[in-house]
N, C-alpha and C. Protein backbone atom coordinates (compact mmCIF):
# COMPACT_ATOMS: atom_id res chain seq x y z
N MET A 1 -18.86 1.38 -18.02
CA MET A 1 -17.46 1.50 -17.61
C MET A 1 -16.58 1.18 -18.81
N ASN A 2 -15.29 1.12 -18.62
CA ASN A 2 -14.34 0.87 -19.69
C ASN A 2 -14.44 -0.56 -20.20
N ASP A 3 -14.37 -0.76 -21.50
CA ASP A 3 -14.46 -2.08 -22.09
C ASP A 3 -13.09 -2.59 -22.51
N ILE A 4 -12.03 -1.97 -22.05
CA ILE A 4 -10.67 -2.33 -22.44
C ILE A 4 -10.19 -3.49 -21.59
N LYS A 5 -9.63 -4.50 -22.22
CA LYS A 5 -9.07 -5.65 -21.49
C LYS A 5 -7.56 -5.50 -21.44
N ALA A 6 -7.01 -5.55 -20.26
CA ALA A 6 -5.56 -5.42 -20.10
C ALA A 6 -4.90 -6.78 -20.25
N LYS A 7 -3.77 -6.81 -20.92
CA LYS A 7 -2.96 -8.02 -21.01
C LYS A 7 -2.07 -8.09 -19.78
N PRO A 8 -1.72 -9.30 -19.32
CA PRO A 8 -0.84 -9.40 -18.15
C PRO A 8 0.43 -8.56 -18.34
N GLY A 9 0.73 -7.75 -17.36
CA GLY A 9 1.92 -6.91 -17.40
C GLY A 9 1.73 -5.60 -18.12
N ALA A 10 0.61 -5.46 -18.84
CA ALA A 10 0.36 -4.21 -19.57
C ALA A 10 -0.11 -3.14 -18.61
N PRO A 11 0.16 -1.86 -18.93
CA PRO A 11 -0.36 -0.80 -18.07
C PRO A 11 -1.88 -0.80 -18.08
N GLU A 12 -2.47 -0.41 -16.99
CA GLU A 12 -3.92 -0.36 -16.90
C GLU A 12 -4.46 0.81 -17.73
N PRO A 13 -5.70 0.70 -18.19
CA PRO A 13 -6.29 1.81 -18.93
C PRO A 13 -6.34 3.08 -18.08
N ALA A 14 -6.26 4.22 -18.74
CA ALA A 14 -6.30 5.51 -18.03
C ALA A 14 -7.58 5.61 -17.20
N GLY A 15 -7.50 6.30 -16.09
CA GLY A 15 -8.66 6.50 -15.24
C GLY A 15 -8.74 5.54 -14.07
N PHE A 16 -8.01 4.45 -14.13
CA PHE A 16 -8.06 3.46 -13.05
C PHE A 16 -6.90 3.69 -12.09
N GLU A 17 -6.82 4.87 -11.52
CA GLU A 17 -5.75 5.21 -10.60
C GLU A 17 -6.34 5.89 -9.37
N PHE A 18 -5.84 5.48 -8.21
CA PHE A 18 -6.17 6.15 -6.96
C PHE A 18 -4.92 6.91 -6.52
N PHE A 19 -5.12 8.11 -5.99
CA PHE A 19 -4.01 8.99 -5.66
C PHE A 19 -4.33 9.68 -4.33
N ILE A 20 -3.32 9.75 -3.45
CA ILE A 20 -3.45 10.53 -2.21
C ILE A 20 -2.07 11.09 -1.88
N ARG A 21 -2.05 12.30 -1.33
CA ARG A 21 -0.78 12.97 -0.98
C ARG A 21 -0.95 13.59 0.40
N ARG A 22 0.15 13.53 1.18
CA ARG A 22 0.12 14.12 2.53
C ARG A 22 1.50 14.68 2.84
N GLU A 23 1.53 15.84 3.46
CA GLU A 23 2.78 16.43 3.96
C GLU A 23 2.87 16.14 5.45
N PHE A 24 4.07 15.73 5.88
CA PHE A 24 4.32 15.37 7.27
C PHE A 24 5.37 16.29 7.88
N GLU A 25 5.22 16.56 9.15
CA GLU A 25 6.20 17.34 9.91
C GLU A 25 7.30 16.41 10.37
N ALA A 26 8.02 15.86 9.41
CA ALA A 26 9.09 14.91 9.74
C ALA A 26 10.14 14.96 8.62
N PRO A 27 11.40 14.84 9.00
CA PRO A 27 12.45 14.80 7.97
C PRO A 27 12.40 13.49 7.17
N LEU A 28 12.95 13.54 6.00
CA LEU A 28 12.94 12.40 5.09
C LEU A 28 13.60 11.17 5.69
N ASP A 29 14.70 11.33 6.43
CA ASP A 29 15.37 10.16 7.04
C ASP A 29 14.41 9.39 7.94
N ARG A 30 13.66 10.09 8.78
CA ARG A 30 12.73 9.43 9.69
C ARG A 30 11.58 8.78 8.90
N MET A 31 11.12 9.47 7.85
CA MET A 31 10.05 8.93 7.03
C MET A 31 10.50 7.63 6.34
N TRP A 32 11.70 7.65 5.77
CA TRP A 32 12.20 6.47 5.08
C TRP A 32 12.33 5.28 6.03
N ARG A 33 12.79 5.55 7.24
CA ARG A 33 12.92 4.49 8.24
C ARG A 33 11.54 3.88 8.55
N ALA A 34 10.51 4.72 8.58
CA ALA A 34 9.16 4.22 8.85
C ALA A 34 8.69 3.22 7.79
N TRP A 35 9.13 3.40 6.56
CA TRP A 35 8.73 2.52 5.46
C TRP A 35 9.68 1.35 5.25
N SER A 36 10.87 1.39 5.83
CA SER A 36 11.87 0.37 5.53
C SER A 36 12.29 -0.48 6.73
N ASP A 37 11.81 -0.15 7.91
CA ASP A 37 12.16 -0.89 9.12
C ASP A 37 10.91 -1.66 9.58
N PRO A 38 10.99 -2.99 9.71
CA PRO A 38 9.79 -3.77 10.05
C PRO A 38 9.16 -3.38 11.39
N GLU A 39 9.98 -3.05 12.37
CA GLU A 39 9.42 -2.65 13.67
C GLU A 39 8.64 -1.35 13.55
N ARG A 40 9.22 -0.38 12.84
CA ARG A 40 8.53 0.90 12.65
C ARG A 40 7.25 0.70 11.85
N MET A 41 7.34 -0.08 10.79
CA MET A 41 6.18 -0.29 9.92
C MET A 41 5.03 -0.96 10.66
N SER A 42 5.37 -1.87 11.58
CA SER A 42 4.34 -2.55 12.37
C SER A 42 3.53 -1.58 13.22
N HIS A 43 4.10 -0.44 13.55
CA HIS A 43 3.41 0.54 14.39
C HIS A 43 2.30 1.29 13.65
N TRP A 44 2.44 1.46 12.33
CA TRP A 44 1.50 2.34 11.64
C TRP A 44 0.82 1.76 10.41
N TRP A 45 1.33 0.68 9.84
CA TRP A 45 0.77 0.16 8.59
C TRP A 45 -0.64 -0.38 8.80
N GLY A 46 -1.56 0.08 8.01
CA GLY A 46 -2.95 -0.39 8.06
C GLY A 46 -3.89 0.70 8.51
N PRO A 47 -5.18 0.52 8.22
CA PRO A 47 -6.17 1.55 8.55
C PRO A 47 -6.37 1.70 10.05
N LYS A 48 -6.99 2.80 10.44
CA LYS A 48 -7.31 3.03 11.85
C LYS A 48 -8.09 1.84 12.38
N GLY A 49 -7.74 1.46 13.60
CA GLY A 49 -8.42 0.34 14.24
C GLY A 49 -7.75 -1.00 13.98
N SER A 50 -6.73 -1.00 13.13
CA SER A 50 -6.05 -2.27 12.85
C SER A 50 -4.80 -2.40 13.71
N LYS A 51 -4.37 -3.62 13.85
CA LYS A 51 -3.10 -3.92 14.52
C LYS A 51 -2.30 -4.77 13.55
N THR A 52 -1.09 -4.34 13.24
CA THR A 52 -0.29 -5.00 12.23
C THR A 52 1.02 -5.50 12.82
N GLU A 53 1.42 -6.68 12.35
CA GLU A 53 2.74 -7.22 12.67
C GLU A 53 3.43 -7.57 11.35
N VAL A 54 4.54 -6.90 11.07
CA VAL A 54 5.34 -7.25 9.90
C VAL A 54 6.15 -8.47 10.30
N VAL A 55 5.85 -9.61 9.67
CA VAL A 55 6.53 -10.85 10.04
C VAL A 55 7.77 -11.10 9.19
N LYS A 56 7.84 -10.46 8.03
CA LYS A 56 9.01 -10.61 7.17
C LYS A 56 9.16 -9.33 6.35
N LEU A 57 10.38 -8.82 6.32
CA LEU A 57 10.66 -7.67 5.47
C LEU A 57 12.02 -7.89 4.81
N ASP A 58 11.98 -8.20 3.54
CA ASP A 58 13.17 -8.34 2.71
C ASP A 58 13.15 -7.13 1.78
N PHE A 59 13.72 -6.03 2.30
CA PHE A 59 13.58 -4.72 1.67
C PHE A 59 14.62 -4.53 0.57
N ARG A 60 14.29 -5.08 -0.61
CA ARG A 60 15.14 -4.97 -1.79
C ARG A 60 14.26 -5.28 -3.00
N PRO A 61 14.65 -4.80 -4.19
CA PRO A 61 13.89 -5.20 -5.37
C PRO A 61 13.85 -6.72 -5.48
N GLY A 62 12.66 -7.27 -5.65
CA GLY A 62 12.47 -8.71 -5.67
C GLY A 62 12.13 -9.28 -4.31
N GLY A 63 12.33 -8.50 -3.25
CA GLY A 63 12.01 -8.94 -1.89
C GLY A 63 10.54 -8.69 -1.56
N ILE A 64 10.13 -9.15 -0.39
CA ILE A 64 8.74 -8.96 0.02
C ILE A 64 8.64 -8.44 1.45
N CYS A 65 7.50 -7.85 1.70
CA CYS A 65 7.05 -7.54 3.06
C CYS A 65 5.80 -8.40 3.25
N HIS A 66 5.81 -9.25 4.26
CA HIS A 66 4.66 -10.09 4.57
C HIS A 66 4.19 -9.71 5.96
N TYR A 67 2.90 -9.41 6.07
CA TYR A 67 2.40 -8.92 7.35
C TYR A 67 1.05 -9.54 7.69
N ARG A 68 0.78 -9.53 8.99
CA ARG A 68 -0.48 -9.99 9.54
C ARG A 68 -1.20 -8.77 10.09
N MET A 69 -2.48 -8.66 9.80
CA MET A 69 -3.26 -7.52 10.28
C MET A 69 -4.55 -8.02 10.93
N ASP A 70 -4.79 -7.55 12.14
CA ASP A 70 -6.06 -7.82 12.82
C ASP A 70 -6.91 -6.56 12.68
N PHE A 71 -8.10 -6.74 12.09
CA PHE A 71 -8.95 -5.58 11.78
C PHE A 71 -10.41 -6.02 11.82
N GLU A 72 -11.20 -5.28 12.59
CA GLU A 72 -12.64 -5.54 12.69
C GLU A 72 -12.94 -6.99 13.03
N GLY A 73 -12.18 -7.55 13.98
CA GLY A 73 -12.41 -8.91 14.45
C GLY A 73 -11.94 -10.00 13.50
N GLN A 74 -11.18 -9.62 12.50
CA GLN A 74 -10.73 -10.57 11.50
C GLN A 74 -9.21 -10.51 11.37
N THR A 75 -8.58 -11.65 11.15
CA THR A 75 -7.15 -11.68 10.86
C THR A 75 -6.97 -11.77 9.36
N MET A 76 -6.16 -10.87 8.82
CA MET A 76 -5.87 -10.84 7.39
C MET A 76 -4.36 -10.85 7.21
N TRP A 77 -3.94 -11.33 6.08
CA TRP A 77 -2.53 -11.32 5.73
C TRP A 77 -2.36 -10.48 4.47
N GLY A 78 -1.23 -9.83 4.35
CA GLY A 78 -0.94 -9.05 3.16
C GLY A 78 0.50 -9.23 2.75
N LYS A 79 0.75 -8.88 1.49
CA LYS A 79 2.10 -9.04 0.95
C LYS A 79 2.39 -7.89 0.00
N LEU A 80 3.60 -7.36 0.12
CA LEU A 80 4.11 -6.36 -0.82
C LEU A 80 5.30 -7.00 -1.51
N ARG A 81 5.30 -7.04 -2.84
CA ARG A 81 6.45 -7.52 -3.60
C ARG A 81 7.15 -6.31 -4.19
N TYR A 82 8.34 -6.02 -3.69
CA TYR A 82 9.06 -4.82 -4.12
C TYR A 82 9.60 -4.99 -5.53
N ARG A 83 9.32 -4.02 -6.37
CA ARG A 83 9.82 -4.00 -7.75
C ARG A 83 10.97 -3.01 -7.89
N GLU A 84 10.82 -1.84 -7.27
CA GLU A 84 11.85 -0.80 -7.34
C GLU A 84 11.98 -0.15 -5.97
N ILE A 85 13.21 0.12 -5.59
CA ILE A 85 13.47 0.88 -4.37
C ILE A 85 14.55 1.90 -4.72
N GLU A 86 14.15 3.14 -4.70
CA GLU A 86 15.09 4.24 -4.91
C GLU A 86 15.17 4.96 -3.57
N PRO A 87 16.21 4.68 -2.77
CA PRO A 87 16.25 5.16 -1.39
C PRO A 87 15.88 6.63 -1.24
N LYS A 88 14.95 6.83 -0.32
CA LYS A 88 14.46 8.15 0.08
C LYS A 88 13.79 8.93 -1.05
N LYS A 89 13.45 8.22 -2.15
CA LYS A 89 12.76 8.88 -3.26
C LYS A 89 11.50 8.15 -3.69
N ARG A 90 11.61 6.81 -3.82
CA ARG A 90 10.49 6.11 -4.46
C ARG A 90 10.50 4.62 -4.12
N LEU A 91 9.30 4.10 -3.89
CA LEU A 91 9.06 2.67 -3.72
C LEU A 91 8.01 2.25 -4.74
N VAL A 92 8.24 1.13 -5.40
CA VAL A 92 7.23 0.54 -6.29
C VAL A 92 7.07 -0.90 -5.86
N PHE A 93 5.84 -1.29 -5.57
CA PHE A 93 5.58 -2.67 -5.16
C PHE A 93 4.20 -3.10 -5.63
N ILE A 94 4.01 -4.41 -5.68
CA ILE A 94 2.70 -4.99 -5.95
C ILE A 94 2.12 -5.39 -4.59
N ALA A 95 0.97 -4.82 -4.25
CA ALA A 95 0.29 -5.13 -2.99
C ALA A 95 -0.81 -6.15 -3.26
N SER A 96 -0.93 -7.11 -2.35
CA SER A 96 -1.99 -8.10 -2.48
C SER A 96 -2.35 -8.63 -1.10
N PHE A 97 -3.55 -9.17 -1.01
CA PHE A 97 -3.90 -9.92 0.18
C PHE A 97 -3.21 -11.27 0.05
N SER A 98 -2.98 -11.89 1.18
CA SER A 98 -2.14 -13.07 1.21
C SER A 98 -2.69 -14.06 2.23
N ASP A 99 -2.08 -15.23 2.24
CA ASP A 99 -2.30 -16.16 3.34
C ASP A 99 -1.02 -16.19 4.19
N GLU A 100 -1.02 -16.97 5.25
CA GLU A 100 0.15 -16.98 6.14
C GLU A 100 1.39 -17.57 5.48
N ASN A 101 1.23 -18.21 4.31
CA ASN A 101 2.36 -18.79 3.58
C ASN A 101 2.81 -17.93 2.40
N GLU A 102 2.37 -16.69 2.35
CA GLU A 102 2.74 -15.71 1.34
C GLU A 102 2.05 -15.90 -0.01
N GLY A 103 1.07 -16.78 -0.09
CA GLY A 103 0.31 -16.96 -1.33
C GLY A 103 -0.68 -15.82 -1.53
N ILE A 104 -0.94 -15.44 -2.75
CA ILE A 104 -1.89 -14.37 -3.05
C ILE A 104 -3.31 -14.92 -2.90
N THR A 105 -4.17 -14.16 -2.21
CA THR A 105 -5.56 -14.54 -2.00
C THR A 105 -6.48 -13.39 -2.39
N VAL A 106 -7.77 -13.64 -2.34
CA VAL A 106 -8.75 -12.59 -2.59
C VAL A 106 -8.90 -11.73 -1.33
N HIS A 107 -9.42 -10.55 -1.51
CA HIS A 107 -9.73 -9.65 -0.40
C HIS A 107 -10.73 -10.37 0.52
N PRO A 108 -10.44 -10.48 1.80
CA PRO A 108 -11.32 -11.25 2.69
C PRO A 108 -12.71 -10.65 2.87
N MET A 109 -12.87 -9.36 2.61
CA MET A 109 -14.18 -8.73 2.77
C MET A 109 -14.82 -8.39 1.42
N ASN A 110 -14.04 -8.51 0.33
CA ASN A 110 -14.57 -8.19 -0.99
C ASN A 110 -13.86 -9.04 -2.04
N PRO A 111 -14.32 -10.26 -2.27
CA PRO A 111 -13.64 -11.17 -3.20
C PRO A 111 -13.53 -10.64 -4.63
N ALA A 112 -14.33 -9.64 -5.00
CA ALA A 112 -14.28 -9.08 -6.36
C ALA A 112 -13.18 -8.03 -6.51
N TRP A 113 -12.51 -7.68 -5.41
CA TRP A 113 -11.44 -6.68 -5.42
C TRP A 113 -10.26 -7.19 -6.26
N PRO A 114 -9.53 -6.31 -6.98
CA PRO A 114 -8.36 -6.77 -7.73
C PRO A 114 -7.38 -7.52 -6.82
N ARG A 115 -6.86 -8.62 -7.32
CA ARG A 115 -5.92 -9.42 -6.52
C ARG A 115 -4.59 -8.72 -6.33
N GLN A 116 -4.22 -7.84 -7.26
CA GLN A 116 -2.93 -7.15 -7.16
C GLN A 116 -3.11 -5.67 -7.48
N ILE A 117 -2.40 -4.85 -6.72
CA ILE A 117 -2.42 -3.40 -6.92
C ILE A 117 -0.97 -2.94 -7.10
N LEU A 118 -0.71 -2.27 -8.21
CA LEU A 118 0.60 -1.66 -8.43
C LEU A 118 0.64 -0.38 -7.62
N SER A 119 1.57 -0.30 -6.70
CA SER A 119 1.66 0.81 -5.75
C SER A 119 2.96 1.56 -5.98
N THR A 120 2.85 2.87 -6.15
CA THR A 120 4.03 3.72 -6.28
C THR A 120 3.96 4.77 -5.19
N ILE A 121 4.98 4.79 -4.35
CA ILE A 121 5.05 5.73 -3.23
C ILE A 121 6.26 6.63 -3.51
N THR A 122 6.03 7.94 -3.53
CA THR A 122 7.15 8.87 -3.73
C THR A 122 7.29 9.75 -2.50
N PHE A 123 8.52 10.19 -2.28
CA PHE A 123 8.88 10.98 -1.10
C PHE A 123 9.64 12.22 -1.57
N SER A 124 9.32 13.37 -0.99
CA SER A 124 10.12 14.58 -1.25
C SER A 124 10.16 15.39 0.04
N GLU A 125 11.31 16.03 0.25
CA GLU A 125 11.51 16.79 1.47
C GLU A 125 11.76 18.25 1.14
N LYS A 126 11.16 19.12 1.94
CA LYS A 126 11.40 20.56 1.83
C LYS A 126 11.26 21.17 3.22
N ASP A 127 12.28 21.89 3.62
CA ASP A 127 12.27 22.58 4.91
C ASP A 127 11.97 21.64 6.08
N GLY A 128 12.53 20.44 6.04
CA GLY A 128 12.35 19.49 7.15
C GLY A 128 11.02 18.77 7.15
N LYS A 129 10.17 19.02 6.16
CA LYS A 129 8.89 18.33 6.04
C LYS A 129 8.97 17.37 4.86
N THR A 130 8.28 16.26 4.97
CA THR A 130 8.30 15.26 3.90
C THR A 130 6.90 15.09 3.33
N THR A 131 6.81 15.13 2.02
CA THR A 131 5.55 14.86 1.32
C THR A 131 5.60 13.45 0.78
N VAL A 132 4.53 12.70 1.05
CA VAL A 132 4.38 11.33 0.58
C VAL A 132 3.21 11.31 -0.39
N THR A 133 3.45 10.72 -1.55
CA THR A 133 2.40 10.56 -2.56
C THR A 133 2.21 9.07 -2.82
N VAL A 134 0.97 8.63 -2.76
CA VAL A 134 0.62 7.22 -2.99
C VAL A 134 -0.22 7.15 -4.27
N ARG A 135 0.20 6.28 -5.18
CA ARG A 135 -0.58 6.01 -6.39
C ARG A 135 -0.85 4.51 -6.45
N TRP A 136 -2.11 4.17 -6.66
CA TRP A 136 -2.54 2.77 -6.76
C TRP A 136 -3.21 2.55 -8.10
N VAL A 137 -2.85 1.46 -8.75
CA VAL A 137 -3.46 1.08 -10.02
C VAL A 137 -3.68 -0.43 -9.99
N PRO A 138 -4.87 -0.91 -10.37
CA PRO A 138 -5.06 -2.36 -10.45
C PRO A 138 -4.03 -2.96 -11.41
N TYR A 139 -3.50 -4.10 -11.05
CA TYR A 139 -2.45 -4.74 -11.85
C TYR A 139 -2.94 -6.09 -12.35
N GLU A 140 -2.83 -6.32 -13.65
CA GLU A 140 -3.30 -7.56 -14.27
C GLU A 140 -4.74 -7.86 -13.86
N ALA A 141 -5.56 -6.83 -13.83
CA ALA A 141 -6.93 -6.95 -13.35
C ALA A 141 -7.90 -7.22 -14.50
N THR A 142 -8.99 -7.86 -14.17
CA THR A 142 -10.08 -8.06 -15.12
C THR A 142 -10.94 -6.80 -15.16
N ASP A 143 -11.79 -6.70 -16.16
CA ASP A 143 -12.71 -5.56 -16.23
C ASP A 143 -13.59 -5.46 -14.97
N PRO A 144 -14.18 -6.57 -14.51
CA PRO A 144 -14.99 -6.46 -13.28
C PRO A 144 -14.16 -6.01 -12.06
N GLU A 145 -12.92 -6.47 -11.96
CA GLU A 145 -12.06 -6.04 -10.84
C GLU A 145 -11.78 -4.54 -10.93
N ARG A 146 -11.51 -4.04 -12.13
CA ARG A 146 -11.27 -2.59 -12.28
C ARG A 146 -12.52 -1.79 -11.92
N GLU A 147 -13.69 -2.32 -12.27
CA GLU A 147 -14.93 -1.63 -11.90
C GLU A 147 -15.10 -1.57 -10.39
N VAL A 148 -14.80 -2.68 -9.70
CA VAL A 148 -14.87 -2.69 -8.24
C VAL A 148 -13.87 -1.69 -7.66
N PHE A 149 -12.68 -1.62 -8.24
CA PHE A 149 -11.67 -0.64 -7.82
C PHE A 149 -12.23 0.78 -7.95
N GLU A 150 -12.85 1.10 -9.08
CA GLU A 150 -13.42 2.43 -9.28
C GLU A 150 -14.49 2.75 -8.24
N VAL A 151 -15.36 1.79 -7.98
CA VAL A 151 -16.44 1.99 -7.02
C VAL A 151 -15.89 2.12 -5.59
N GLY A 152 -14.71 1.54 -5.35
CA GLY A 152 -14.13 1.52 -4.01
C GLY A 152 -13.30 2.74 -3.63
N ARG A 153 -13.37 3.81 -4.40
CA ARG A 153 -12.54 4.99 -4.11
C ARG A 153 -12.76 5.57 -2.72
N ASP A 154 -14.00 5.64 -2.26
CA ASP A 154 -14.26 6.19 -0.92
C ASP A 154 -13.62 5.31 0.15
N ALA A 155 -13.69 4.01 -0.02
CA ALA A 155 -13.07 3.09 0.95
C ALA A 155 -11.55 3.22 0.91
N MET A 156 -10.98 3.38 -0.30
CA MET A 156 -9.52 3.56 -0.40
C MET A 156 -9.11 4.87 0.27
N GLN A 157 -9.89 5.92 0.04
CA GLN A 157 -9.60 7.23 0.65
C GLN A 157 -9.63 7.10 2.17
N ALA A 158 -10.65 6.44 2.70
CA ALA A 158 -10.76 6.27 4.16
C ALA A 158 -9.61 5.41 4.69
N GLY A 159 -9.30 4.31 4.00
CA GLY A 159 -8.23 3.42 4.46
C GLY A 159 -6.88 4.10 4.45
N TRP A 160 -6.55 4.77 3.34
CA TRP A 160 -5.25 5.44 3.27
C TRP A 160 -5.19 6.65 4.20
N THR A 161 -6.30 7.37 4.37
CA THR A 161 -6.30 8.49 5.32
C THR A 161 -6.01 7.98 6.73
N GLY A 162 -6.65 6.89 7.11
CA GLY A 162 -6.39 6.31 8.43
C GLY A 162 -4.97 5.81 8.58
N THR A 163 -4.45 5.19 7.52
CA THR A 163 -3.07 4.70 7.55
C THR A 163 -2.09 5.86 7.69
N LEU A 164 -2.30 6.91 6.92
CA LEU A 164 -1.40 8.07 6.98
C LEU A 164 -1.55 8.83 8.30
N ASP A 165 -2.75 8.82 8.87
CA ASP A 165 -2.92 9.40 10.22
C ASP A 165 -2.09 8.62 11.23
N ARG A 166 -2.11 7.29 11.13
CA ARG A 166 -1.32 6.46 12.03
C ARG A 166 0.18 6.70 11.82
N LEU A 167 0.59 6.86 10.56
CA LEU A 167 1.99 7.17 10.26
C LEU A 167 2.38 8.50 10.89
N GLU A 168 1.51 9.50 10.77
CA GLU A 168 1.80 10.82 11.34
C GLU A 168 1.99 10.73 12.85
N THR A 169 1.13 9.99 13.52
CA THR A 169 1.27 9.79 14.97
C THR A 169 2.57 9.07 15.31
N ASP A 170 2.88 8.03 14.54
CA ASP A 170 4.11 7.27 14.79
C ASP A 170 5.34 8.14 14.59
N LEU A 171 5.35 8.94 13.55
CA LEU A 171 6.51 9.81 13.30
C LEU A 171 6.70 10.83 14.43
N ALA A 172 5.60 11.30 14.99
CA ALA A 172 5.68 12.29 16.07
C ALA A 172 6.19 11.67 17.37
N THR A 173 6.01 10.34 17.53
CA THR A 173 6.42 9.71 18.78
C THR A 173 7.65 8.84 18.65
N ALA A 174 8.13 8.64 17.41
CA ALA A 174 9.28 7.73 17.19
C ALA A 174 10.57 8.34 17.71
């Protein structure tokens, strides 16, 4: 694998990116509300089979989304730290597993997983349909964490596909 060591805050080496894109039969206004309203987000955030409660959403650069997720008989906490919010165009946040007090923790099912993921979500609308693009890159990760990220592509694909399926259902019924 790559022998490059990233410095804190430095961009990750090329190749360590996960990408998924989906077009939805929903206008951009409804899509944006799904990502920016805690009640809406609680309906769809997380992989299939999970139940999520957004307990805090401070939707601004520097703010956080703190949520509780019940999945496969386990309670997990997660946190998004918003870095950039360009309304109806782009969200940039650092995603991490968390504890109930908003502290960053290891992945409860895979402690070798990167503690932080730089997430960039872009939105574009055409003819009343919205395309969402998700890009994930390990952030301030060690070489072993980046290797686990690379090996975990199938799990990321399954998790994000399930999450976007739930979003699609929520948008159709919202």
